[in-house]
Amino acid sequence: MKRAALLAGILAALTVVMVSCASTGGSAGGPSGTASAAAQGFGGQVTVTVTMSNGKITGVEADGPGETQGIGSRALSILPGSIIEANSADVDSLSGASVTSQAIKTAAAEAIGKIGN
């Protein structure tokens, strides 16, 4: 009898958790929109524009015309795809381009925050 009561309690708790998750729901109904933000890179301002649809990052563009060609420019072309794939600005920096990478991630996180608010 105690087992049945314990099992019923566990099932009730799981049901509450599942209903709560469904109502706040992953990506459906999440924030949508486009926002830009900038952060200081190695060679100047780096501007990042993020597009989200229902809580999912669908586009990221990074521009830093003053960044070093072949180093910072690689981060500008590689990190946007990593951010889309991770659905987050919390991605690994590109080796050798840590300042530019950090600027991209900082600006992307700020842009994501603007969309969410």
PDB file of N, CA and C in Angstrom:
ATOM      1  N   MET A   1       0.819  -1.186   0.000  1.00  0.00           N
ATOM      2  CA  MET A   1       0.000   0.000   0.000  1.00  0.00           C
ATOM      3  C   MET A   1       0.868   1.257   0.000  1.00  0.00           C
ATOM      4  N   LYS A   2       1.967   1.214   0.795  1.00  0.00           N
ATOM      5  CA  LYS A   2       2.861   2.359   0.836  1.00  0.00           C
ATOM      6  C   LYS A   2       3.505   2.589  -0.526  1.00  0.00           C
ATOM      7  N   ARG A   3       3.830   1.487  -1.207  1.00  0.00           N
ATOM      8  CA  ARG A   3       4.429   1.592  -2.541  1.00  0.00           C
ATOM      9  C   ARG A   3       3.483   2.269  -3.526  1.00  0.00           C
ATOM     10  N   ALA A   4       2.227   1.913  -3.462  1.00  0.00           N
ATOM     11  CA  ALA A   4       1.241   2.492  -4.369  1.00  0.00           C
ATOM     12  C   ALA A   4       1.086   3.986  -4.108  1.00  0.00           C
ATOM     13  N   ALA A   5       1.084   4.366  -2.848  1.00  0.00           N
ATOM     14  CA  ALA A   5       0.961   5.786  -2.508  1.00  0.00           C
ATOM     15  C   ALA A   5       2.201   6.552  -2.970  1.00  0.00           C
ATOM     16  N   LEU A   6       3.378   5.960  -2.781  1.00  0.00           N
ATOM     17  CA  LEU A   6       4.622   6.585  -3.217  1.00  0.00           C
ATOM     18  C   LEU A   6       4.641   6.727  -4.738  1.00  0.00           C
ATOM     19  N   LEU A   7       4.254   5.683  -5.443  1.00  0.00           N
ATOM     20  CA  LEU A   7       4.207   5.718  -6.897  1.00  0.00           C
ATOM     21  C   LEU A   7       3.209   6.769  -7.390  1.00  0.00           C
ATOM     22  N   ALA A   8       2.076   6.860  -6.750  1.00  0.00           N
ATOM     23  CA  ALA A   8       1.070   7.861  -7.130  1.00  0.00           C
ATOM     24  C   ALA A   8       1.615   9.269  -6.919  1.00  0.00           C
ATOM     25  N   GLY A   9       2.341   9.471  -5.825  1.00  0.00           N
ATOM     26  CA  GLY A   9       2.939  10.780  -5.550  1.00  0.00           C
ATOM     27  C   GLY A   9       3.983  11.154  -6.584  1.00  0.00           C
ATOM     28  N   ILE A  10       4.816  10.187  -6.961  1.00  0.00           N
ATOM     29  CA  ILE A  10       5.848  10.432  -7.971  1.00  0.00           C
ATOM     30  C   ILE A  10       5.206  10.745  -9.320  1.00  0.00           C
ATOM     31  N   LEU A  11       4.198  10.000  -9.705  1.00  0.00           N
ATOM     32  CA  LEU A  11       3.507  10.252 -10.968  1.00  0.00           C
ATOM     33  C   LEU A  11       2.831  11.617 -10.971  1.00  0.00           C
ATOM     34  N   ALA A  12       2.258  12.017  -9.850  1.00  0.00           N
ATOM     35  CA  ALA A  12       1.621  13.336  -9.762  1.00  0.00           C
ATOM     36  C   ALA A  12       2.666  14.442  -9.921  1.00  0.00           C
ATOM     37  N   ALA A  13       3.816  14.263  -9.264  1.00  0.00           N
ATOM     38  CA  ALA A  13       4.886  15.267  -9.376  1.00  0.00           C
ATOM     39  C   ALA A  13       5.400  15.360 -10.804  1.00  0.00           C
ATOM     40  N   LEU A  14       5.584  14.222 -11.460  1.00  0.00           N
ATOM     41  CA  LEU A  14       6.045  14.219 -12.846  1.00  0.00           C
ATOM     42  C   LEU A  14       5.029  14.884 -13.768  1.00  0.00           C
ATOM     43  N   THR A  15       3.773  14.660 -13.511  1.00  0.00           N
ATOM     44  CA  THR A  15       2.719  15.280 -14.316  1.00  0.00           C
ATOM     45  C   THR A  15       2.769  16.796 -14.182  1.00  0.00           C
ATOM     46  N   VAL A  16       2.943  17.285 -12.952  1.00  0.00           N
ATOM     47  CA  VAL A  16       3.034  18.731 -12.728  1.00  0.00           C
ATOM     48  C   VAL A  16       4.230  19.301 -13.476  1.00  0.00           C
ATOM     49  N   VAL A  17       5.382  18.619 -13.404  1.00  0.00           N
ATOM     50  CA  VAL A  17       6.582  19.088 -14.095  1.00  0.00           C
ATOM     51  C   VAL A  17       6.357  19.109 -15.601  1.00  0.00           C
ATOM     52  N   MET A  18       5.749  18.061 -16.143  1.00  0.00           N
ATOM     53  CA  MET A  18       5.534  17.990 -17.584  1.00  0.00           C
ATOM     54  C   MET A  18       4.560  19.068 -18.048  1.00  0.00           C
ATOM     55  N   VAL A  19       3.513  19.322 -17.287  1.00  0.00           N
ATOM     56  CA  VAL A  19       2.548  20.352 -17.651  1.00  0.00           C
ATOM     57  C   VAL A  19       3.206  21.721 -17.586  1.00  0.00           C
ATOM     58  N   SER A  20       4.039  21.954 -16.573  1.00  0.00           N
ATOM     59  CA  SER A  20       4.737  23.233 -16.455  1.00  0.00           C
ATOM     60  C   SER A  20       5.659  23.455 -17.636  1.00  0.00           C
ATOM     61  N   CYS A  21       6.394  22.432 -18.033  1.00  0.00           N
ATOM     62  CA  CYS A  21       7.300  22.550 -19.177  1.00  0.00           C
ATOM     63  C   CYS A  21       6.526  22.794 -20.459  1.00  0.00           C
ATOM     64  N   ALA A  22       5.409  22.143 -20.606  1.00  0.00           N
ATOM     65  CA  ALA A  22       4.623  22.302 -21.829  1.00  0.00           C
ATOM     66  C   ALA A  22       4.041  23.701 -21.926  1.00  0.00           C
ATOM     67  N   SER A  23       3.669  24.288 -20.803  1.00  0.00           N
ATOM     68  CA  SER A  23       3.044  25.600 -20.875  1.00  0.00           C
ATOM     69  C   SER A  23       4.060  26.713 -21.100  1.00  0.00           C
ATOM     70  N   THR A  24       5.305  26.526 -20.642  1.00  0.00           N
ATOM     71  CA  THR A  24       6.320  27.539 -20.905  1.00  0.00           C
ATOM     72  C   THR A  24       7.062  27.223 -22.178  1.00  0.00           C
ATOM     73  N   GLY A  25       6.949  26.052 -22.614  1.00  0.00           N
ATOM     74  CA  GLY A  25       7.370  25.447 -23.830  1.00  0.00           C
ATOM     75  C   GLY A  25       8.586  25.845 -24.583  1.00  0.00           C
ATOM     76  N   GLY A  26       9.587  25.032 -24.650  1.00  0.00           N
ATOM     77  CA  GLY A  26      10.773  25.169 -25.467  1.00  0.00           C
ATOM     78  C   GLY A  26      10.776  26.352 -26.389  1.00  0.00           C
ATOM     79  N   SER A  27      10.729  26.104 -27.688  1.00  0.00           N
ATOM     80  CA  SER A  27      10.861  27.202 -28.633  1.00  0.00           C
ATOM     81  C   SER A  27       9.509  27.772 -29.068  1.00  0.00           C
ATOM     82  N   ALA A  28       8.441  26.982 -29.012  1.00  0.00           N
ATOM     83  CA  ALA A  28       7.149  27.472 -29.475  1.00  0.00           C
ATOM     84  C   ALA A  28       6.703  28.643 -28.611  1.00  0.00           C
ATOM     85  N   GLY A  29       6.375  29.733 -29.256  1.00  0.00           N
ATOM     86  CA  GLY A  29       5.911  30.886 -28.518  1.00  0.00           C
ATOM     87  C   GLY A  29       7.020  31.707 -27.895  1.00  0.00           C
ATOM     88  N   GLY A  30       8.265  31.384 -28.167  1.00  0.00           N
ATOM     89  CA  GLY A  30       9.383  32.144 -27.632  1.00  0.00           C
ATOM     90  C   GLY A  30       9.523  33.468 -28.362  1.00  0.00           C
ATOM     91  N   PRO A  31      10.531  34.250 -27.957  1.00  0.00           N
ATOM     92  CA  PRO A  31      10.701  35.565 -28.578  1.00  0.00           C
ATOM     93  C   PRO A  31      11.051  35.485 -30.058  1.00  0.00           C
ATOM     94  N   SER A  32      10.587  36.468 -30.796  1.00  0.00           N
ATOM     95  CA  SER A  32      10.887  36.587 -32.219  1.00  0.00           C
ATOM     96  C   SER A  32      11.263  38.027 -32.515  1.00  0.00           C
ATOM     97  N   GLY A  33      12.128  38.208 -33.490  1.00  0.00           N
ATOM     98  CA  GLY A  33      12.496  39.552 -33.900  1.00  0.00           C
ATOM     99  C   GLY A  33      13.951  39.634 -34.313  1.00  0.00           C
ATOM    100  N   THR A  34      14.390  40.844 -34.584  1.00  0.00           N
ATOM    101  CA  THR A  34      15.768  41.103 -34.990  1.00  0.00           C
ATOM    102  C   THR A  34      16.289  42.269 -34.167  1.00  0.00           C
ATOM    103  N   ALA A  35      17.530  42.125 -33.693  1.00  0.00           N
ATOM    104  CA  ALA A  35      18.146  43.203 -32.919  1.00  0.00           C
ATOM    105  C   ALA A  35      19.648  43.200 -33.179  1.00  0.00           C
ATOM    106  N   SER A  36      20.235  44.367 -32.998  1.00  0.00           N
ATOM    107  CA  SER A  36      21.683  44.517 -33.169  1.00  0.00           C
ATOM    108  C   SER A  36      22.300  45.087 -31.908  1.00  0.00           C
ATOM    109  N   ALA A  37      23.574  44.780 -31.725  1.00  0.00           N
ATOM    110  CA  ALA A  37      24.342  45.337 -30.622  1.00  0.00           C
ATOM    111  C   ALA A  37      25.795  45.375 -31.055  1.00  0.00           C
ATOM    112  N   ALA A  38      26.594  46.179 -30.364  1.00  0.00           N
ATOM    113  CA  ALA A  38      27.997  46.313 -30.712  1.00  0.00           C
ATOM    114  C   ALA A  38      28.866  46.145 -29.469  1.00  0.00           C
ATOM    115  N   ALA A  39      30.096  45.711 -29.690  1.00  0.00           N
ATOM    116  CA  ALA A  39      31.088  45.574 -28.626  1.00  0.00           C
ATOM    117  C   ALA A  39      32.457  45.891 -29.209  1.00  0.00           C
ATOM    118  N   GLN A  40      33.383  46.253 -28.351  1.00  0.00           N
ATOM    119  CA  GLN A  40      34.726  46.615 -28.792  1.00  0.00           C
ATOM    120  C   GLN A  40      35.517  45.367 -29.172  1.00  0.00           C
ATOM    121  N   GLY A  41      35.977  45.311 -30.420  1.00  0.00           N
ATOM    122  CA  GLY A  41      36.828  44.226 -30.884  1.00  0.00           C
ATOM    123  C   GLY A  41      38.288  44.633 -30.825  1.00  0.00           C
ATOM    124  N   PHE A  42      39.136  43.900 -31.486  1.00  0.00           N
ATOM    125  CA  PHE A  42      40.569  44.192 -31.506  1.00  0.00           C
ATOM    126  C   PHE A  42      40.862  45.446 -32.322  1.00  0.00           C
ATOM    127  N   GLY A  43      40.156  45.597 -33.445  1.00  0.00           N
ATOM    128  CA  GLY A  43      40.424  46.709 -34.347  1.00  0.00           C
ATOM    129  C   GLY A  43      39.322  47.742 -34.414  1.00  0.00           C
ATOM    130  N   GLY A  44      38.398  47.710 -33.466  1.00  0.00           N
ATOM    131  CA  GLY A  44      37.289  48.659 -33.470  1.00  0.00           C
ATOM    132  C   GLY A  44      35.994  47.990 -33.079  1.00  0.00           C
ATOM    133  N   GLN A  45      34.899  48.673 -33.364  1.00  0.00           N
ATOM    134  CA  GLN A  45      33.583  48.150 -33.022  1.00  0.00           C
ATOM    135  C   GLN A  45      33.219  46.940 -33.875  1.00  0.00           C
ATOM    136  N   VAL A  46      32.639  45.944 -33.222  1.00  0.00           N
ATOM    137  CA  VAL A  46      32.087  44.774 -33.900  1.00  0.00           C
ATOM    138  C   VAL A  46      30.582  44.832 -33.679  1.00  0.00           C
ATOM    139  N   THR A  47      29.828  44.807 -34.755  1.00  0.00           N
ATOM    140  CA  THR A  47      28.370  44.867 -34.683  1.00  0.00           C
ATOM    141  C   THR A  47      27.797  43.506 -35.059  1.00  0.00           C
ATOM    142  N   VAL A  48      26.873  43.046 -34.240  1.00  0.00           N
ATOM    143  CA  VAL A  48      26.240  41.745 -34.476  1.00  0.00           C
ATOM    144  C   VAL A  48      24.730  41.946 -34.545  1.00  0.00           C
ATOM    145  N   THR A  49      24.113  41.374 -35.561  1.00  0.00           N
ATOM    146  CA  THR A  49      22.664  41.395 -35.721  1.00  0.00           C
ATOM    147  C   THR A  49      22.158  39.962 -35.595  1.00  0.00           C
ATOM    148  N   VAL A  50      21.200  39.772 -34.697  1.00  0.00           N
ATOM    149  CA  VAL A  50      20.635  38.444 -34.432  1.00  0.00           C
ATOM    150  C   VAL A  50      19.159  38.451 -34.808  1.00  0.00           C
ATOM    151  N   THR A  51      18.728  37.397 -35.485  1.00  0.00           N
ATOM    152  CA  THR A  51      17.323  37.196 -35.809  1.00  0.00           C
ATOM    153  C   THR A  51      16.852  35.934 -35.104  1.00  0.00           C
ATOM    154  N   MET A  52      15.711  36.046 -34.425  1.00  0.00           N
ATOM    155  CA  MET A  52      15.126  34.900 -33.728  1.00  0.00           C
ATOM    156  C   MET A  52      13.692  34.693 -34.187  1.00  0.00           C
ATOM    157  N   SER A  53      13.274  33.429 -34.186  1.00  0.00           N
ATOM    158  CA  SER A  53      11.899  33.081 -34.488  1.00  0.00           C
ATOM    159  C   SER A  53      11.431  32.040 -33.483  1.00  0.00           C
ATOM    160  N   ASN A  54      10.431  32.401 -32.687  1.00  0.00           N
ATOM    161  CA  ASN A  54       9.891  31.494 -31.668  1.00  0.00           C
ATOM    162  C   ASN A  54      10.973  30.943 -30.748  1.00  0.00           C
ATOM    163  N   GLY A  55      11.895  31.805 -30.321  1.00  0.00           N
ATOM    164  CA  GLY A  55      12.924  31.405 -29.376  1.00  0.00           C
ATOM    165  C   GLY A  55      14.131  30.726 -29.988  1.00  0.00           C
ATOM    166  N   LYS A  56      14.147  30.570 -31.293  1.00  0.00           N
ATOM    167  CA  LYS A  56      15.263  29.914 -31.970  1.00  0.00           C
ATOM    168  C   LYS A  56      16.033  30.939 -32.795  1.00  0.00           C
ATOM    169  N   ILE A  57      17.365  30.930 -32.625  1.00  0.00           N
ATOM    170  CA  ILE A  57      18.206  31.835 -33.402  1.00  0.00           C
ATOM    171  C   ILE A  57      18.246  31.320 -34.837  1.00  0.00           C
ATOM    172  N   THR A  58      17.787  32.149 -35.762  1.00  0.00           N
ATOM    173  CA  THR A  58      17.722  31.739 -37.166  1.00  0.00           C
ATOM    174  C   THR A  58      18.734  32.467 -38.042  1.00  0.00           C
ATOM    175  N   GLY A  59      19.323  33.525 -37.520  1.00  0.00           N
ATOM    176  CA  GLY A  59      20.307  34.257 -38.308  1.00  0.00           C
ATOM    177  C   GLY A  59      21.209  35.090 -37.415  1.00  0.00           C
ATOM    178  N   VAL A  60      22.492  35.131 -37.772  1.00  0.00           N
ATOM    179  CA  VAL A  60      23.460  35.973 -37.070  1.00  0.00           C
ATOM    180  C   VAL A  60      24.403  36.554 -38.108  1.00  0.00           C
ATOM    181  N   GLU A  61      24.547  37.867 -38.087  1.00  0.00           N
ATOM    182  CA  GLU A  61      25.499  38.542 -38.966  1.00  0.00           C
ATOM    183  C   GLU A  61      26.452  39.339 -38.094  1.00  0.00           C
ATOM    184  N   ALA A  62      27.746  39.209 -38.350  1.00  0.00           N
ATOM    185  CA  ALA A  62      28.755  39.941 -37.589  1.00  0.00           C
ATOM    186  C   ALA A  62      29.578  40.785 -38.549  1.00  0.00           C
ATOM    187  N   ASP A  63      29.793  42.046 -38.181  1.00  0.00           N
ATOM    188  CA  ASP A  63      30.550  42.963 -39.017  1.00  0.00           C
ATOM    189  C   ASP A  63      31.577  43.694 -38.165  1.00  0.00           C
ATOM    190  N   GLY A  64      32.811  43.639 -38.598  1.00  0.00           N
ATOM    191  CA  GLY A  64      33.886  44.336 -37.910  1.00  0.00           C
ATOM    192  C   GLY A  64      34.935  44.745 -38.921  1.00  0.00           C
ATOM    193  N   PRO A  65      34.696  45.828 -39.633  1.00  0.00           N
ATOM    194  CA  PRO A  65      35.597  46.207 -40.725  1.00  0.00           C
ATOM    195  C   PRO A  65      37.026  46.496 -40.279  1.00  0.00           C
ATOM    196  N   GLY A  66      37.244  46.797 -39.000  1.00  0.00           N
ATOM    197  CA  GLY A  66      38.598  47.083 -38.523  1.00  0.00           C
ATOM    198  C   GLY A  66      39.346  45.875 -38.009  1.00  0.00           C
ATOM    199  N   GLU A  67      38.704  44.708 -38.020  1.00  0.00           N
ATOM    200  CA  GLU A  67      39.362  43.520 -37.485  1.00  0.00           C
ATOM    201  C   GLU A  67      40.428  43.004 -38.459  1.00  0.00           C
ATOM    202  N   THR A  68      41.463  42.395 -37.909  1.00  0.00           N
ATOM    203  CA  THR A  68      42.600  41.918 -38.699  1.00  0.00           C
ATOM    204  C   THR A  68      42.174  40.851 -39.694  1.00  0.00           C
ATOM    205  N   GLN A  69      42.518  41.081 -40.962  1.00  0.00           N
ATOM    206  CA  GLN A  69      42.205  40.108 -42.004  1.00  0.00           C
ATOM    207  C   GLN A  69      42.949  38.799 -41.729  1.00  0.00           C
ATOM    208  N   GLY A  70      42.231  37.691 -41.889  1.00  0.00           N
ATOM    209  CA  GLY A  70      42.818  36.374 -41.703  1.00  0.00           C
ATOM    210  C   GLY A  70      42.826  35.905 -40.261  1.00  0.00           C
ATOM    211  N   ILE A  71      42.572  36.801 -39.317  1.00  0.00           N
ATOM    212  CA  ILE A  71      42.529  36.408 -37.900  1.00  0.00           C
ATOM    213  C   ILE A  71      41.142  36.763 -37.348  1.00  0.00           C
ATOM    214  N   GLY A  72      40.933  38.051 -37.062  1.00  0.00           N
ATOM    215  CA  GLY A  72      39.617  38.487 -36.592  1.00  0.00           C
ATOM    216  C   GLY A  72      38.534  38.250 -37.621  1.00  0.00           C
ATOM    217  N   SER A  73      38.907  38.390 -38.893  1.00  0.00           N
ATOM    218  CA  SER A  73      37.922  38.178 -39.957  1.00  0.00           C
ATOM    219  C   SER A  73      37.429  36.728 -39.973  1.00  0.00           C
ATOM    220  N   ARG A  74      38.277  35.797 -39.557  1.00  0.00           N
ATOM    221  CA  ARG A  74      37.843  34.386 -39.474  1.00  0.00           C
ATOM    222  C   ARG A  74      36.776  34.225 -38.400  1.00  0.00           C
ATOM    223  N   ALA A  75      36.973  34.894 -37.270  1.00  0.00           N
ATOM    224  CA  ALA A  75      35.973  34.821 -36.202  1.00  0.00           C
ATOM    225  C   ALA A  75      34.648  35.414 -36.675  1.00  0.00           C
ATOM    226  N   LEU A  76      34.737  36.510 -37.433  1.00  0.00           N
ATOM    227  CA  LEU A  76      33.525  37.158 -37.950  1.00  0.00           C
ATOM    228  C   LEU A  76      32.744  36.242 -38.883  1.00  0.00           C
ATOM    229  N   SER A  77      33.444  35.355 -39.579  1.00  0.00           N
ATOM    230  CA  SER A  77      32.743  34.460 -40.506  1.00  0.00           C
ATOM    231  C   SER A  77      32.356  33.124 -39.862  1.00  0.00           C
ATOM    232  N   ILE A  78      33.093  32.671 -38.850  1.00  0.00           N
ATOM    233  CA  ILE A  78      32.841  31.345 -38.261  1.00  0.00           C
ATOM    234  C   ILE A  78      31.866  31.387 -37.088  1.00  0.00           C
ATOM    235  N   LEU A  79      32.045  32.350 -36.174  1.00  0.00           N
ATOM    236  CA  LEU A  79      31.233  32.351 -34.954  1.00  0.00           C
ATOM    237  C   LEU A  79      29.730  32.513 -35.182  1.00  0.00           C
ATOM    238  N   PRO A  80      29.277  33.303 -36.150  1.00  0.00           N
ATOM    239  CA  PRO A  80      27.824  33.376 -36.351  1.00  0.00           C
ATOM    240  C   PRO A  80      27.174  32.000 -36.570  1.00  0.00           C
ATOM    241  N   GLY A  81      27.803  31.138 -37.336  1.00  0.00           N
ATOM    242  CA  GLY A  81      27.267  29.794 -37.549  1.00  0.00           C
ATOM    243  C   GLY A  81      27.261  28.972 -36.265  1.00  0.00           C
ATOM    244  N   SER A  82      28.297  29.153 -35.441  1.00  0.00           N
ATOM    245  CA  SER A  82      28.351  28.443 -34.158  1.00  0.00           C
ATOM    246  C   SER A  82      27.236  28.900 -33.232  1.00  0.00           C
ATOM    247  N   ILE A  83      26.962  30.200 -33.246  1.00  0.00           N
ATOM    248  CA  ILE A  83      25.897  30.751 -32.398  1.00  0.00           C
ATOM    249  C   ILE A  83      24.533  30.216 -32.839  1.00  0.00           C
ATOM    250  N   ILE A  84      24.311  30.164 -34.141  1.00  0.00           N
ATOM    251  CA  ILE A  84      23.050  29.606 -34.651  1.00  0.00           C
ATOM    252  C   ILE A  84      22.926  28.142 -34.244  1.00  0.00           C
ATOM    253  N   GLU A  85      23.992  27.381 -34.428  1.00  0.00           N
ATOM    254  CA  GLU A  85      23.967  25.947 -34.113  1.00  0.00           C
ATOM    255  C   GLU A  85      23.708  25.707 -32.627  1.00  0.00           C
ATOM    256  N   ALA A  86      24.329  26.505 -31.764  1.00  0.00           N
ATOM    257  CA  ALA A  86      24.165  26.339 -30.318  1.00  0.00           C
ATOM    258  C   ALA A  86      22.888  26.994 -29.792  1.00  0.00           C
ATOM    259  N   ASN A  87      22.267  27.828 -30.626  1.00  0.00           N
ATOM    260  CA  ASN A  87      21.113  28.620 -30.213  1.00  0.00           C
ATOM    261  C   ASN A  87      21.444  29.437 -28.962  1.00  0.00           C
ATOM    262  N   SER A  88      22.686  29.932 -28.941  1.00  0.00           N
ATOM    263  CA  SER A  88      23.184  30.662 -27.790  1.00  0.00           C
ATOM    264  C   SER A  88      24.455  31.402 -28.171  1.00  0.00           C
ATOM    265  N   ALA A  89      24.741  32.495 -27.471  1.00  0.00           N
ATOM    266  CA  ALA A  89      26.003  33.213 -27.671  1.00  0.00           C
ATOM    267  C   ALA A  89      27.129  32.569 -26.875  1.00  0.00           C
ATOM    268  N   ASP A  90      26.817  31.584 -26.085  1.00  0.00           N
ATOM    269  CA  ASP A  90      27.811  30.893 -25.266  1.00  0.00           C
ATOM    270  C   ASP A  90      28.476  29.791 -26.092  1.00  0.00           C
ATOM    271  N   VAL A  91      29.416  30.200 -26.929  1.00  0.00           N
ATOM    272  CA  VAL A  91      30.142  29.277 -27.803  1.00  0.00           C
ATOM    273  C   VAL A  91      31.639  29.458 -27.569  1.00  0.00           C
ATOM    274  N   ASP A  92      32.430  28.535 -28.081  1.00  0.00           N
ATOM    275  CA  ASP A  92      33.879  28.628 -27.955  1.00  0.00           C
ATOM    276  C   ASP A  92      34.422  29.768 -28.801  1.00  0.00           C
ATOM    277  N   SER A  93      35.456  30.416 -28.274  1.00  0.00           N
ATOM    278  CA  SER A  93      36.151  31.455 -29.030  1.00  0.00           C
ATOM    279  C   SER A  93      37.060  30.811 -30.062  1.00  0.00           C
ATOM    280  N   LEU A  94      37.401  31.583 -31.067  1.00  0.00           N
ATOM    281  CA  LEU A  94      38.303  31.101 -32.104  1.00  0.00           C
ATOM    282  C   LEU A  94      39.738  31.360 -31.652  1.00  0.00           C
ATOM    283  N   SER A  95      40.549  30.339 -31.653  1.00  0.00           N
ATOM    284  CA  SER A  95      41.934  30.459 -31.224  1.00  0.00           C
ATOM    285  C   SER A  95      42.668  31.492 -32.075  1.00  0.00           C
ATOM    286  N   GLY A  96      43.378  32.391 -31.416  1.00  0.00           N
ATOM    287  CA  GLY A  96      44.119  33.432 -32.116  1.00  0.00           C
ATOM    288  C   GLY A  96      43.309  34.691 -32.337  1.00  0.00           C
ATOM    289  N   ALA A  97      42.000  34.611 -32.114  1.00  0.00           N
ATOM    290  CA  ALA A  97      41.121  35.764 -32.316  1.00  0.00           C
ATOM    291  C   ALA A  97      40.228  35.945 -31.092  1.00  0.00           C
ATOM    292  N   SER A  98      40.840  35.854 -29.932  1.00  0.00           N
ATOM    293  CA  SER A  98      40.047  35.863 -28.699  1.00  0.00           C
ATOM    294  C   SER A  98      39.341  37.192 -28.454  1.00  0.00           C
ATOM    295  N   VAL A  99      39.970  38.327 -28.770  1.00  0.00           N
ATOM    296  CA  VAL A  99      39.333  39.624 -28.533  1.00  0.00           C
ATOM    297  C   VAL A  99      38.132  39.797 -29.465  1.00  0.00           C
ATOM    298  N   THR A 100      38.322  39.490 -30.728  1.00  0.00           N
ATOM    299  CA  THR A 100      37.213  39.590 -31.690  1.00  0.00           C
ATOM    300  C   THR A 100      36.115  38.602 -31.328  1.00  0.00           C
ATOM    301  N   SER A 101      36.498  37.392 -30.957  1.00  0.00           N
ATOM    302  CA  SER A 101      35.509  36.382 -30.565  1.00  0.00           C
ATOM    303  C   SER A 101      34.679  36.865 -29.386  1.00  0.00           C
ATOM    304  N   GLN A 102      35.336  37.421 -28.386  1.00  0.00           N
ATOM    305  CA  GLN A 102      34.616  37.900 -27.208  1.00  0.00           C
ATOM    306  C   GLN A 102      33.674  39.044 -27.570  1.00  0.00           C
ATOM    307  N   ALA A 103      34.118  39.919 -28.457  1.00  0.00           N
ATOM    308  CA  ALA A 103      33.257  41.022 -28.903  1.00  0.00           C
ATOM    309  C   ALA A 103      32.014  40.482 -29.601  1.00  0.00           C
ATOM    310  N   ILE A 104      32.182  39.486 -30.449  1.00  0.00           N
ATOM    311  CA  ILE A 104      31.044  38.882 -31.160  1.00  0.00           C
ATOM    312  C   ILE A 104      30.074  38.269 -30.159  1.00  0.00           C
ATOM    313  N   LYS A 105      30.599  37.500 -29.215  1.00  0.00           N
ATOM    314  CA  LYS A 105      29.744  36.821 -28.238  1.00  0.00           C
ATOM    315  C   LYS A 105      29.029  37.817 -27.327  1.00  0.00           C
ATOM    316  N   THR A 106      29.733  38.874 -26.924  1.00  0.00           N
ATOM    317  CA  THR A 106      29.130  39.891 -26.068  1.00  0.00           C
ATOM    318  C   THR A 106      28.003  40.623 -26.799  1.00  0.00           C
ATOM    319  N   ALA A 107      28.284  41.042 -28.024  1.00  0.00           N
ATOM    320  CA  ALA A 107      27.272  41.751 -28.810  1.00  0.00           C
ATOM    321  C   ALA A 107      26.090  40.839 -29.127  1.00  0.00           C
ATOM    322  N   ALA A 108      26.354  39.582 -29.445  1.00  0.00           N
ATOM    323  CA  ALA A 108      25.264  38.637 -29.743  1.00  0.00           C
ATOM    324  C   ALA A 108      24.386  38.437 -28.514  1.00  0.00           C
ATOM    325  N   ALA A 109      24.998  38.271 -27.360  1.00  0.00           N
ATOM    326  CA  ALA A 109      24.224  38.091 -26.126  1.00  0.00           C
ATOM    327  C   ALA A 109      23.362  39.317 -25.838  1.00  0.00           C
ATOM    328  N   GLU A 110      23.903  40.499 -26.069  1.00  0.00           N
ATOM    329  CA  GLU A 110      23.123  41.719 -25.858  1.00  0.00           C
ATOM    330  C   GLU A 110      21.957  41.800 -26.837  1.00  0.00           C
ATOM    331  N   ALA A 111      22.206  41.452 -28.097  1.00  0.00           N
ATOM    332  CA  ALA A 111      21.144  41.470 -29.108  1.00  0.00           C
ATOM    333  C   ALA A 111      20.056  40.454 -28.757  1.00  0.00           C
ATOM    334  N   ILE A 112      20.450  39.271 -28.317  1.00  0.00           N
ATOM    335  CA  ILE A 112      19.483  38.248 -27.912  1.00  0.00           C
ATOM    336  C   ILE A 112      18.640  38.769 -26.754  1.00  0.00           C
ATOM    337  N   GLY A 113      19.285  39.435 -25.812  1.00  0.00           N
ATOM    338  CA  GLY A 113      18.556  40.006 -24.674  1.00  0.00           C
ATOM    339  C   GLY A 113      17.551  41.056 -25.103  1.00  0.00           C
ATOM    340  N   LYS A 114      17.897  41.853 -26.101  1.00  0.00           N
ATOM    341  CA  LYS A 114      16.961  42.857 -26.605  1.00  0.00           C
ATOM    342  C   LYS A 114      15.724  42.210 -27.212  1.00  0.00           C
ATOM    343  N   ILE A 115      15.908  41.109 -27.910  1.00  0.00           N
ATOM    344  CA  ILE A 115      14.783  40.419 -28.546  1.00  0.00           C
ATOM    345  C   ILE A 115      13.879  39.804 -27.473  1.00  0.00           C
ATOM    346  N   GLY A 116      14.491  39.284 -26.425  1.00  0.00           N
ATOM    347  CA  GLY A 116      13.730  38.632 -25.365  1.00  0.00           C
ATOM    348  C   GLY A 116      12.947  39.584 -24.490  1.00  0.00           C
ATOM    349  N   ASN A 117      13.254  40.867 -24.570  1.00  0.00           N
ATOM    350  CA  ASN A 117      12.565  41.847 -23.698  1.00  0.00           C
ATOM    351  C   ASN A 117      11.508  42.615 -24.400  1.00  0.00           C
TER     352      ASN A 117
END
